Amino acid sequence: MNTQEEIKTPLNLRGELDYKDGEIVTKDVVSNGNGSVTLLAFDSQAMIARHQTDSDVLVYVLEGSVEFEVENQRQKLDCCDAMVLPANTPHTVLALEKSKVLLTKLKA
């Protein structure tokens, strides 16, 4: 387990990161050679430009709402919604309000 500290106690993921004006803040929860789990805190209207990853991805919205653009279609995800993206799927992410997202990447 490649983490800053070995975690053996419960985590309050929504409380792990604070928002920063105009930014996207990230924190690795756990990572190893098979994948990673990352927490992201998006300020309202913060955006990740079109990109893709060589991993399968599970996105879970912990707080707020975000919009994904995938294959020229926009998909709104609210709190407690999730989306699976296969490896190499181009997508864009826009926070519609302050939002926290848990991103799980698994080797494809």
PDB file of N, CA and C in Angstrom:
ATOM      1  N   MET A   1       0.855  -1.170   0.000  1.00  0.00           N
ATOM      2  CA  MET A   1       0.000   0.000   0.000  1.00  0.00           C
ATOM      3  C   MET A   1       0.899   1.229   0.000  1.00  0.00           C
ATOM      4  N   ASN A   2       0.778   2.044  -1.021  1.00  0.00           N
ATOM      5  CA  ASN A   2       1.556   3.271  -1.114  1.00  0.00           C
ATOM      6  C   ASN A   2       0.688   4.445  -0.691  1.00  0.00           C
ATOM      7  N   THR A   3       0.728   4.789   0.565  1.00  0.00           N
ATOM      8  CA  THR A   3      -0.015   5.931   1.077  1.00  0.00           C
ATOM      9  C   THR A   3       0.906   6.700   2.005  1.00  0.00           C
ATOM     10  N   GLN A   4       0.508   7.930   2.304  1.00  0.00           N
ATOM     11  CA  GLN A   4       1.326   8.739   3.195  1.00  0.00           C
ATOM     12  C   GLN A   4       1.340   8.156   4.597  1.00  0.00           C
ATOM     13  N   GLU A   5       0.267   7.500   4.958  1.00  0.00           N
ATOM     14  CA  GLU A   5       0.196   6.857   6.254  1.00  0.00           C
ATOM     15  C   GLU A   5      -0.633   5.601   6.104  1.00  0.00           C
ATOM     16  N   GLU A   6      -0.327   4.602   6.867  1.00  0.00           N
ATOM     17  CA  GLU A   6      -1.120   3.384   6.804  1.00  0.00           C
ATOM     18  C   GLU A   6      -2.434   3.629   7.520  1.00  0.00           C
ATOM     19  N   ILE A   7      -3.538   3.352   6.830  1.00  0.00           N
ATOM     20  CA  ILE A   7      -4.859   3.667   7.368  1.00  0.00           C
ATOM     21  C   ILE A   7      -5.500   2.393   7.891  1.00  0.00           C
ATOM     22  N   LYS A   8      -5.803   2.389   9.159  1.00  0.00           N
ATOM     23  CA  LYS A   8      -6.487   1.247   9.752  1.00  0.00           C
ATOM     24  C   LYS A   8      -7.665   1.688  10.603  1.00  0.00           C
ATOM     25  N   THR A   9      -8.080   2.919  10.408  1.00  0.00           N
ATOM     26  CA  THR A   9      -9.209   3.465  11.150  1.00  0.00           C
ATOM     27  C   THR A   9     -10.205   4.072  10.167  1.00  0.00           C
ATOM     28  N   PRO A  10     -11.452   4.257  10.571  1.00  0.00           N
ATOM     29  CA  PRO A  10     -12.450   4.832   9.663  1.00  0.00           C
ATOM     30  C   PRO A  10     -12.052   6.232   9.181  1.00  0.00           C
ATOM     31  N   LEU A  11     -12.460   6.535   7.958  1.00  0.00           N
ATOM     32  CA  LEU A  11     -12.213   7.848   7.360  1.00  0.00           C
ATOM     33  C   LEU A  11     -13.543   8.540   7.087  1.00  0.00           C
ATOM     34  N   ASN A  12     -13.594   9.828   7.311  1.00  0.00           N
ATOM     35  CA  ASN A  12     -14.715  10.642   6.862  1.00  0.00           C
ATOM     36  C   ASN A  12     -14.238  11.325   5.588  1.00  0.00           C
ATOM     37  N   LEU A  13     -14.475  10.696   4.447  1.00  0.00           N
ATOM     38  CA  LEU A  13     -13.918  11.185   3.191  1.00  0.00           C
ATOM     39  C   LEU A  13     -14.355  12.604   2.857  1.00  0.00           C
ATOM     40  N   ARG A  14     -15.595  12.952   3.175  1.00  0.00           N
ATOM     41  CA  ARG A  14     -16.055  14.322   2.878  1.00  0.00           C
ATOM     42  C   ARG A  14     -15.280  15.345   3.695  1.00  0.00           C
ATOM     43  N   GLY A  15     -14.762  14.970   4.859  1.00  0.00           N
ATOM     44  CA  GLY A  15     -14.028  15.895   5.712  1.00  0.00           C
ATOM     45  C   GLY A  15     -12.532  15.907   5.486  1.00  0.00           C
ATOM     46  N   GLU A  16     -12.041  15.068   4.568  1.00  0.00           N
ATOM     47  CA  GLU A  16     -10.600  14.944   4.353  1.00  0.00           C
ATOM     48  C   GLU A  16      -9.980  16.118   3.603  1.00  0.00           C
ATOM     49  N   LEU A  17     -10.768  16.826   2.813  1.00  0.00           N
ATOM     50  CA  LEU A  17     -10.238  17.941   2.010  1.00  0.00           C
ATOM     51  C   LEU A  17     -11.089  19.178   2.200  1.00  0.00           C
ATOM     52  N   ASP A  18     -10.440  20.336   2.170  1.00  0.00           N
ATOM     53  CA  ASP A  18     -11.142  21.612   2.169  1.00  0.00           C
ATOM     54  C   ASP A  18     -11.152  22.165   0.746  1.00  0.00           C
ATOM     55  N   TYR A  19     -12.142  22.967   0.441  1.00  0.00           N
ATOM     56  CA  TYR A  19     -12.216  23.623  -0.862  1.00  0.00           C
ATOM     57  C   TYR A  19     -11.238  24.792  -0.906  1.00  0.00           C
ATOM     58  N   LYS A  20     -10.740  25.090  -2.116  1.00  0.00           N
ATOM     59  CA  LYS A  20      -9.928  26.283  -2.356  1.00  0.00           C
ATOM     60  C   LYS A  20     -10.551  27.034  -3.517  1.00  0.00           C
ATOM     61  N   ASP A  21     -10.667  28.354  -3.360  1.00  0.00           N
ATOM     62  CA  ASP A  21     -11.302  29.183  -4.382  1.00  0.00           C
ATOM     63  C   ASP A  21     -10.672  28.950  -5.753  1.00  0.00           C
ATOM     64  N   GLY A  22     -11.529  28.619  -6.722  1.00  0.00           N
ATOM     65  CA  GLY A  22     -11.107  28.487  -8.108  1.00  0.00           C
ATOM     66  C   GLY A  22     -10.250  27.272  -8.419  1.00  0.00           C
ATOM     67  N   GLU A  23     -10.123  26.333  -7.485  1.00  0.00           N
ATOM     68  CA  GLU A  23      -9.189  25.224  -7.687  1.00  0.00           C
ATOM     69  C   GLU A  23      -9.856  23.868  -7.537  1.00  0.00           C
ATOM     70  N   ILE A  24      -9.081  22.854  -7.914  1.00  0.00           N
ATOM     71  CA  ILE A  24      -9.415  21.462  -7.646  1.00  0.00           C
ATOM     72  C   ILE A  24      -8.312  20.930  -6.743  1.00  0.00           C
ATOM     73  N   VAL A  25      -8.684  20.482  -5.570  1.00  0.00           N
ATOM     74  CA  VAL A  25      -7.729  19.957  -4.595  1.00  0.00           C
ATOM     75  C   VAL A  25      -7.830  18.440  -4.618  1.00  0.00           C
ATOM     76  N   THR A  26      -6.682  17.743  -4.583  1.00  0.00           N
ATOM     77  CA  THR A  26      -6.702  16.286  -4.618  1.00  0.00           C
ATOM     78  C   THR A  26      -5.910  15.704  -3.455  1.00  0.00           C
ATOM     79  N   LYS A  27      -6.296  14.489  -3.084  1.00  0.00           N
ATOM     80  CA  LYS A  27      -5.568  13.756  -2.051  1.00  0.00           C
ATOM     81  C   LYS A  27      -5.661  12.273  -2.365  1.00  0.00           C
ATOM     82  N   ASP A  28      -4.513  11.610  -2.469  1.00  0.00           N
ATOM     83  CA  ASP A  28      -4.497  10.165  -2.657  1.00  0.00           C
ATOM     84  C   ASP A  28      -4.891   9.496  -1.355  1.00  0.00           C
ATOM     85  N   VAL A  29      -5.882   8.624  -1.423  1.00  0.00           N
ATOM     86  CA  VAL A  29      -6.300   7.862  -0.256  1.00  0.00           C
ATOM     87  C   VAL A  29      -5.478   6.589  -0.182  1.00  0.00           C
ATOM     88  N   VAL A  30      -5.342   5.908  -1.312  1.00  0.00           N
ATOM     89  CA  VAL A  30      -4.525   4.698  -1.400  1.00  0.00           C
ATOM     90  C   VAL A  30      -4.120   4.494  -2.856  1.00  0.00           C
ATOM     91  N   SER A  31      -2.926   3.960  -3.064  1.00  0.00           N
ATOM     92  CA  SER A  31      -2.498   3.633  -4.426  1.00  0.00           C
ATOM     93  C   SER A  31      -1.485   2.505  -4.366  1.00  0.00           C
ATOM     94  N   ASN A  32      -1.505   1.694  -5.423  1.00  0.00           N
ATOM     95  CA  ASN A  32      -0.498   0.645  -5.578  1.00  0.00           C
ATOM     96  C   ASN A  32      -0.398   0.328  -7.065  1.00  0.00           C
ATOM     97  N   GLY A  33       0.291  -0.712  -7.419  1.00  0.00           N
ATOM     98  CA  GLY A  33       0.505  -1.035  -8.820  1.00  0.00           C
ATOM     99  C   GLY A  33      -0.754  -1.428  -9.576  1.00  0.00           C
ATOM    100  N   ASN A  34      -1.830  -1.696  -8.868  1.00  0.00           N
ATOM    101  CA  ASN A  34      -3.078  -2.110  -9.507  1.00  0.00           C
ATOM    102  C   ASN A  34      -4.071  -0.971  -9.701  1.00  0.00           C
ATOM    103  N   GLY A  35      -3.835   0.151  -9.024  1.00  0.00           N
ATOM    104  CA  GLY A  35      -4.750   1.273  -9.166  1.00  0.00           C
ATOM    105  C   GLY A  35      -4.631   2.252  -8.024  1.00  0.00           C
ATOM    106  N   SER A  36      -5.626   3.129  -7.933  1.00  0.00           N
ATOM    107  CA  SER A  36      -5.585   4.165  -6.900  1.00  0.00           C
ATOM    108  C   SER A  36      -6.998   4.619  -6.555  1.00  0.00           C
ATOM    109  N   VAL A  37      -7.109   5.217  -5.375  1.00  0.00           N
ATOM    110  CA  VAL A  37      -8.334   5.877  -4.935  1.00  0.00           C
ATOM    111  C   VAL A  37      -7.931   7.293  -4.557  1.00  0.00           C
ATOM    112  N   THR A  38      -8.569   8.267  -5.188  1.00  0.00           N
ATOM    113  CA  THR A  38      -8.211   9.674  -4.991  1.00  0.00           C
ATOM    114  C   THR A  38      -9.463  10.467  -4.661  1.00  0.00           C
ATOM    115  N   LEU A  39      -9.338  11.360  -3.717  1.00  0.00           N
ATOM    116  CA  LEU A  39     -10.405  12.273  -3.348  1.00  0.00           C
ATOM    117  C   LEU A  39     -10.144  13.606  -4.032  1.00  0.00           C
ATOM    118  N   LEU A  40     -11.188  14.198  -4.634  1.00  0.00           N
ATOM    119  CA  LEU A  40     -11.068  15.495  -5.299  1.00  0.00           C
ATOM    120  C   LEU A  40     -12.111  16.446  -4.734  1.00  0.00           C
ATOM    121  N   ALA A  41     -11.715  17.681  -4.458  1.00  0.00           N
ATOM    122  CA  ALA A  41     -12.631  18.735  -4.020  1.00  0.00           C
ATOM    123  C   ALA A  41     -12.603  19.827  -5.089  1.00  0.00           C
ATOM    124  N   PHE A  42     -13.719  20.005  -5.781  1.00  0.00           N
ATOM    125  CA  PHE A  42     -13.850  20.986  -6.860  1.00  0.00           C
ATOM    126  C   PHE A  42     -14.537  22.239  -6.341  1.00  0.00           C
ATOM    127  N   ASP A  43     -13.952  23.396  -6.588  1.00  0.00           N
ATOM    128  CA  ASP A  43     -14.700  24.625  -6.358  1.00  0.00           C
ATOM    129  C   ASP A  43     -15.763  24.726  -7.449  1.00  0.00           C
ATOM    130  N   SER A  44     -16.801  25.488  -7.208  1.00  0.00           N
ATOM    131  CA  SER A  44     -17.857  25.663  -8.193  1.00  0.00           C
ATOM    132  C   SER A  44     -17.280  26.154  -9.516  1.00  0.00           C
ATOM    133  N   GLN A  45     -17.678  25.524 -10.609  1.00  0.00           N
ATOM    134  CA  GLN A  45     -17.273  25.835 -11.981  1.00  0.00           C
ATOM    135  C   GLN A  45     -15.835  25.414 -12.306  1.00  0.00           C
ATOM    136  N   ALA A  46     -15.151  24.765 -11.370  1.00  0.00           N
ATOM    137  CA  ALA A  46     -13.815  24.236 -11.690  1.00  0.00           C
ATOM    138  C   ALA A  46     -13.982  23.108 -12.701  1.00  0.00           C
ATOM    139  N   MET A  47     -12.995  22.985 -13.577  1.00  0.00           N
ATOM    140  CA  MET A  47     -13.136  22.048 -14.689  1.00  0.00           C
ATOM    141  C   MET A  47     -11.850  21.280 -14.932  1.00  0.00           C
ATOM    142  N   ILE A  48     -12.003  20.014 -15.281  1.00  0.00           N
ATOM    143  CA  ILE A  48     -10.880  19.214 -15.781  1.00  0.00           C
ATOM    144  C   ILE A  48     -11.132  19.053 -17.273  1.00  0.00           C
ATOM    145  N   ALA A  49     -10.202  19.563 -18.068  1.00  0.00           N
ATOM    146  CA  ALA A  49     -10.351  19.550 -19.524  1.00  0.00           C
ATOM    147  C   ALA A  49     -10.384  18.118 -20.052  1.00  0.00           C
ATOM    148  N   ARG A  50     -10.840  18.000 -21.261  1.00  0.00           N
ATOM    149  CA  ARG A  50     -10.960  16.692 -21.917  1.00  0.00           C
ATOM    150  C   ARG A  50      -9.659  15.905 -21.769  1.00  0.00           C
ATOM    151  N   HIS A  51      -9.808  14.682 -21.297  1.00  0.00           N
ATOM    152  CA  HIS A  51      -8.659  13.806 -21.073  1.00  0.00           C
ATOM    153  C   HIS A  51      -9.138  12.356 -21.066  1.00  0.00           C
ATOM    154  N   GLN A  52      -8.211  11.449 -20.975  1.00  0.00           N
ATOM    155  CA  GLN A  52      -8.527  10.034 -20.826  1.00  0.00           C
ATOM    156  C   GLN A  52      -7.425   9.388 -20.016  1.00  0.00           C
ATOM    157  N   THR A  53      -7.716   8.221 -19.474  1.00  0.00           N
ATOM    158  CA  THR A  53      -6.739   7.510 -18.672  1.00  0.00           C
ATOM    159  C   THR A  53      -6.676   6.065 -19.148  1.00  0.00           C
ATOM    160  N   ASP A  54      -5.546   5.436 -18.939  1.00  0.00           N
ATOM    161  CA  ASP A  54      -5.383   4.051 -19.370  1.00  0.00           C
ATOM    162  C   ASP A  54      -5.936   3.065 -18.343  1.00  0.00           C
ATOM    163  N   SER A  55      -6.687   3.557 -17.379  1.00  0.00           N
ATOM    164  CA  SER A  55      -7.313   2.728 -16.352  1.00  0.00           C
ATOM    165  C   SER A  55      -8.832   2.770 -16.488  1.00  0.00           C
ATOM    166  N   ASP A  56      -9.487   1.701 -16.034  1.00  0.00           N
ATOM    167  CA  ASP A  56     -10.931   1.768 -15.841  1.00  0.00           C
ATOM    168  C   ASP A  56     -11.171   2.685 -14.650  1.00  0.00           C
ATOM    169  N   VAL A  57     -12.270   3.433 -14.683  1.00  0.00           N
ATOM    170  CA  VAL A  57     -12.516   4.450 -13.667  1.00  0.00           C
ATOM    171  C   VAL A  57     -13.929   4.310 -13.092  1.00  0.00           C
ATOM    172  N   LEU A  58     -14.025   4.435 -11.780  1.00  0.00           N
ATOM    173  CA  LEU A  58     -15.315   4.563 -11.097  1.00  0.00           C
ATOM    174  C   LEU A  58     -15.300   5.911 -10.398  1.00  0.00           C
ATOM    175  N   VAL A  59     -16.281   6.731 -10.693  1.00  0.00           N
ATOM    176  CA  VAL A  59     -16.414   8.049 -10.088  1.00  0.00           C
ATOM    177  C   VAL A  59     -17.644   8.019  -9.186  1.00  0.00           C
ATOM    178  N   TYR A  60     -17.492   8.486  -7.945  1.00  0.00           N
ATOM    179  CA  TYR A  60     -18.602   8.522  -6.997  1.00  0.00           C
ATOM    180  C   TYR A  60     -18.679   9.922  -6.396  1.00  0.00           C
ATOM    181  N   VAL A  61     -19.829  10.567  -6.508  1.00  0.00           N
ATOM    182  CA  VAL A  61     -19.998  11.927  -6.007  1.00  0.00           C
ATOM    183  C   VAL A  61     -20.390  11.868  -4.530  1.00  0.00           C
ATOM    184  N   LEU A  62     -19.534  12.417  -3.678  1.00  0.00           N
ATOM    185  CA  LEU A  62     -19.762  12.452  -2.235  1.00  0.00           C
ATOM    186  C   LEU A  62     -20.573  13.662  -1.807  1.00  0.00           C
ATOM    187  N   GLU A  63     -20.464  14.746  -2.578  1.00  0.00           N
ATOM    188  CA  GLU A  63     -21.082  16.016  -2.188  1.00  0.00           C
ATOM    189  C   GLU A  63     -21.201  16.885  -3.434  1.00  0.00           C
ATOM    190  N   GLY A  64     -22.306  17.603  -3.573  1.00  0.00           N
ATOM    191  CA  GLY A  64     -22.470  18.535  -4.687  1.00  0.00           C
ATOM    192  C   GLY A  64     -22.959  17.848  -5.951  1.00  0.00           C
ATOM    193  N   SER A  65     -22.617  18.436  -7.105  1.00  0.00           N
ATOM    194  CA  SER A  65     -22.979  17.853  -8.396  1.00  0.00           C
ATOM    195  C   SER A  65     -21.953  18.250  -9.449  1.00  0.00           C
ATOM    196  N   VAL A  66     -21.692  17.322 -10.348  1.00  0.00           N
ATOM    197  CA  VAL A  66     -20.730  17.526 -11.426  1.00  0.00           C
ATOM    198  C   VAL A  66     -21.358  17.095 -12.741  1.00  0.00           C
ATOM    199  N   GLU A  67     -20.790  17.596 -13.814  1.00  0.00           N
ATOM    200  CA  GLU A  67     -21.245  17.219 -15.141  1.00  0.00           C
ATOM    201  C   GLU A  67     -20.086  16.584 -15.894  1.00  0.00           C
ATOM    202  N   PHE A  68     -20.324  15.408 -16.439  1.00  0.00           N
ATOM    203  CA  PHE A  68     -19.350  14.732 -17.283  1.00  0.00           C
ATOM    204  C   PHE A  68     -19.801  14.863 -18.717  1.00  0.00           C
ATOM    205  N   GLU A  69     -18.870  15.143 -19.595  1.00  0.00           N
ATOM    206  CA  GLU A  69     -19.162  15.069 -21.022  1.00  0.00           C
ATOM    207  C   GLU A  69     -18.421  13.848 -21.543  1.00  0.00           C
ATOM    208  N   VAL A  70     -19.179  12.865 -22.010  1.00  0.00           N
ATOM    209  CA  VAL A  70     -18.638  11.611 -22.512  1.00  0.00           C
ATOM    210  C   VAL A  70     -19.303  11.323 -23.846  1.00  0.00           C
ATOM    211  N   GLU A  71     -18.491  11.086 -24.873  1.00  0.00           N
ATOM    212  CA  GLU A  71     -19.011  10.799 -26.217  1.00  0.00           C
ATOM    213  C   GLU A  71     -20.041  11.842 -26.654  1.00  0.00           C
ATOM    214  N   ASN A  72     -19.700  13.107 -26.433  1.00  0.00           N
ATOM    215  CA  ASN A  72     -20.528  14.247 -26.830  1.00  0.00           C
ATOM    216  C   ASN A  72     -21.889  14.300 -26.148  1.00  0.00           C
ATOM    217  N   GLN A  73     -22.029  13.593 -25.040  1.00  0.00           N
ATOM    218  CA  GLN A  73     -23.248  13.669 -24.245  1.00  0.00           C
ATOM    219  C   GLN A  73     -22.897  14.135 -22.850  1.00  0.00           C
ATOM    220  N   ARG A  74     -23.738  15.010 -22.310  1.00  0.00           N
ATOM    221  CA  ARG A  74     -23.528  15.512 -20.950  1.00  0.00           C
ATOM    222  C   ARG A  74     -24.347  14.688 -19.966  1.00  0.00           C
ATOM    223  N   GLN A  75     -23.698  14.288 -18.901  1.00  0.00           N
ATOM    224  CA  GLN A  75     -24.326  13.490 -17.859  1.00  0.00           C
ATOM    225  C   GLN A  75     -24.136  14.206 -16.524  1.00  0.00           C
ATOM    226  N   LYS A  76     -25.230  14.531 -15.846  1.00  0.00           N
ATOM    227  CA  LYS A  76     -25.158  15.181 -14.541  1.00  0.00           C
ATOM    228  C   LYS A  76     -25.146  14.105 -13.459  1.00  0.00           C
ATOM    229  N   LEU A  77     -24.198  14.220 -12.532  1.00  0.00           N
ATOM    230  CA  LEU A  77     -24.128  13.328 -11.383  1.00  0.00           C
ATOM    231  C   LEU A  77     -24.302  14.164 -10.128  1.00  0.00           C
ATOM    232  N   ASP A  78     -25.274  13.786  -9.320  1.00  0.00           N
ATOM    233  CA  ASP A  78     -25.524  14.447  -8.051  1.00  0.00           C
ATOM    234  C   ASP A  78     -24.941  13.600  -6.922  1.00  0.00           C
ATOM    235  N   CYS A  79     -25.055  14.117  -5.707  1.00  0.00           N
ATOM    236  CA  CYS A  79     -24.564  13.404  -4.533  1.00  0.00           C
ATOM    237  C   CYS A  79     -25.086  11.973  -4.523  1.00  0.00           C
ATOM    238  N   CYS A  80     -24.182  11.039  -4.305  1.00  0.00           N
ATOM    239  CA  CYS A  80     -24.450   9.597  -4.227  1.00  0.00           C
ATOM    240  C   CYS A  80     -24.608   8.932  -5.582  1.00  0.00           C
ATOM    241  N   ASP A  81     -24.452   9.668  -6.686  1.00  0.00           N
ATOM    242  CA  ASP A  81     -24.454   9.067  -8.019  1.00  0.00           C
ATOM    243  C   ASP A  81     -23.044   8.598  -8.357  1.00  0.00           C
ATOM    244  N   ALA A  82     -22.975   7.619  -9.251  1.00  0.00           N
ATOM    245  CA  ALA A  82     -21.685   7.083  -9.686  1.00  0.00           C
ATOM    246  C   ALA A  82     -21.704   6.881 -11.194  1.00  0.00           C
ATOM    247  N   MET A  83     -20.499   6.770 -11.769  1.00  0.00           N
ATOM    248  CA  MET A  83     -20.361   6.495 -13.195  1.00  0.00           C
ATOM    249  C   MET A  83     -19.111   5.652 -13.393  1.00  0.00           C
ATOM    250  N   VAL A  84     -19.201   4.692 -14.303  1.00  0.00           N
ATOM    251  CA  VAL A  84     -18.060   3.873 -14.670  1.00  0.00           C
ATOM    252  C   VAL A  84     -17.630   4.274 -16.073  1.00  0.00           C
ATOM    253  N   LEU A  85     -16.337   4.512 -16.232  1.00  0.00           N
ATOM    254  CA  LEU A  85     -15.780   4.833 -17.542  1.00  0.00           C
ATOM    255  C   LEU A  85     -14.709   3.799 -17.878  1.00  0.00           C
ATOM    256  N   PRO A  86     -14.850   3.105 -18.992  1.00  0.00           N
ATOM    257  CA  PRO A  86     -13.803   2.175 -19.399  1.00  0.00           C
ATOM    258  C   PRO A  86     -12.514   2.930 -19.719  1.00  0.00           C
ATOM    259  N   ALA A  87     -11.406   2.229 -19.659  1.00  0.00           N
ATOM    260  CA  ALA A  87     -10.107   2.830 -19.991  1.00  0.00           C
ATOM    261  C   ALA A  87     -10.176   3.502 -21.360  1.00  0.00           C
ATOM    262  N   ASN A  88      -9.433   4.580 -21.488  1.00  0.00           N
ATOM    263  CA  ASN A  88      -9.277   5.316 -22.743  1.00  0.00           C
ATOM    264  C   ASN A  88     -10.567   5.970 -23.242  1.00  0.00           C
ATOM    265  N   THR A  89     -11.474   6.289 -22.325  1.00  0.00           N
ATOM    266  CA  THR A  89     -12.692   7.008 -22.687  1.00  0.00           C
ATOM    267  C   THR A  89     -12.466   8.502 -22.487  1.00  0.00           C
ATOM    268  N   PRO A  90     -12.425   9.294 -23.564  1.00  0.00           N
ATOM    269  CA  PRO A  90     -12.247  10.732 -23.406  1.00  0.00           C
ATOM    270  C   PRO A  90     -13.440  11.345 -22.660  1.00  0.00           C
ATOM    271  N   HIS A  91     -13.136  12.238 -21.720  1.00  0.00           N
ATOM    272  CA  HIS A  91     -14.203  12.881 -20.955  1.00  0.00           C
ATOM    273  C   HIS A  91     -13.726  14.203 -20.375  1.00  0.00           C
ATOM    274  N   THR A  92     -14.708  15.049 -20.045  1.00  0.00           N
ATOM    275  CA  THR A  92     -14.485  16.349 -19.417  1.00  0.00           C
ATOM    276  C   THR A  92     -15.323  16.373 -18.142  1.00  0.00           C
ATOM    277  N   VAL A  93     -14.825  17.059 -17.103  1.00  0.00           N
ATOM    278  CA  VAL A  93     -15.559  17.156 -15.837  1.00  0.00           C
ATOM    279  C   VAL A  93     -15.721  18.629 -15.470  1.00  0.00           C
ATOM    280  N   LEU A  94     -16.954  19.029 -15.126  1.00  0.00           N
ATOM    281  CA  LEU A  94     -17.249  20.389 -14.697  1.00  0.00           C
ATOM    282  C   LEU A  94     -18.040  20.321 -13.395  1.00  0.00           C
ATOM    283  N   ALA A  95     -17.575  21.030 -12.373  1.00  0.00           N
ATOM    284  CA  ALA A  95     -18.309  21.098 -11.107  1.00  0.00           C
ATOM    285  C   ALA A  95     -19.416  22.134 -11.247  1.00  0.00           C
ATOM    286  N   LEU A  96     -20.651  21.717 -11.067  1.00  0.00           N
ATOM    287  CA  LEU A  96     -21.788  22.629 -11.164  1.00  0.00           C
ATOM    288  C   LEU A  96     -21.963  23.442  -9.883  1.00  0.00           C
ATOM    289  N   GLU A  97     -21.353  22.959  -8.813  1.00  0.00           N
ATOM    290  CA  GLU A  97     -21.307  23.632  -7.519  1.00  0.00           C
ATOM    291  C   GLU A  97     -20.100  23.051  -6.782  1.00  0.00           C
ATOM    292  N   LYS A  98     -19.801  23.530  -5.598  1.00  0.00           N
ATOM    293  CA  LYS A  98     -18.722  22.927  -4.833  1.00  0.00           C
ATOM    294  C   LYS A  98     -19.032  21.441  -4.673  1.00  0.00           C
ATOM    295  N   SER A  99     -18.066  20.595  -5.013  1.00  0.00           N
ATOM    296  CA  SER A  99     -18.329  19.160  -5.062  1.00  0.00           C
ATOM    297  C   SER A  99     -17.112  18.368  -4.621  1.00  0.00           C
ATOM    298  N   LYS A 100     -17.391  17.218  -4.013  1.00  0.00           N
ATOM    299  CA  LYS A 100     -16.331  16.280  -3.654  1.00  0.00           C
ATOM    300  C   LYS A 100     -16.622  14.955  -4.343  1.00  0.00           C
ATOM    301  N   VAL A 101     -15.572  14.405  -4.955  1.00  0.00           N
ATOM    302  CA  VAL A 101     -15.700  13.209  -5.773  1.00  0.00           C
ATOM    303  C   VAL A 101     -14.632  12.212  -5.352  1.00  0.00           C
ATOM    304  N   LEU A 102     -15.009  10.944  -5.298  1.00  0.00           N
ATOM    305  CA  LEU A 102     -14.066   9.876  -5.035  1.00  0.00           C
ATOM    306  C   LEU A 102     -13.804   9.174  -6.356  1.00  0.00           C
ATOM    307  N   LEU A 103     -12.554   9.114  -6.762  1.00  0.00           N
ATOM    308  CA  LEU A 103     -12.144   8.555  -8.043  1.00  0.00           C
ATOM    309  C   LEU A 103     -11.346   7.275  -7.790  1.00  0.00           C
ATOM    310  N   THR A 104     -11.835   6.171  -8.321  1.00  0.00           N
ATOM    311  CA  THR A 104     -11.137   4.882  -8.211  1.00  0.00           C
ATOM    312  C   THR A 104     -10.662   4.481  -9.596  1.00  0.00           C
ATOM    313  N   LYS A 105      -9.357   4.241  -9.738  1.00  0.00           N
ATOM    314  CA  LYS A 105      -8.774   3.799 -10.992  1.00  0.00           C
ATOM    315  C   LYS A 105      -8.260   2.368 -10.815  1.00  0.00           C
ATOM    316  N   LEU A 106      -8.603   1.511 -11.780  1.00  0.00           N
ATOM    317  CA  LEU A 106      -8.136   0.134 -11.764  1.00  0.00           C
ATOM    318  C   LEU A 106      -7.466  -0.164 -13.099  1.00  0.00           C
ATOM    319  N   LYS A 107      -6.339  -0.835 -13.037  1.00  0.00           N
ATOM    320  CA  LYS A 107      -5.644  -1.191 -14.272  1.00  0.00           C
ATOM    321  C   LYS A 107      -6.574  -1.949 -15.203  1.00  0.00           C
ATOM    322  N   ALA A 108      -6.562  -1.535 -16.460  1.00  0.00           N
ATOM    323  CA  ALA A 108      -7.418  -2.195 -17.449  1.00  0.00           C
ATOM    324  C   ALA A 108      -6.755  -3.473 -17.948  1.00  0.00           C
TER     325      ALA A 108
END
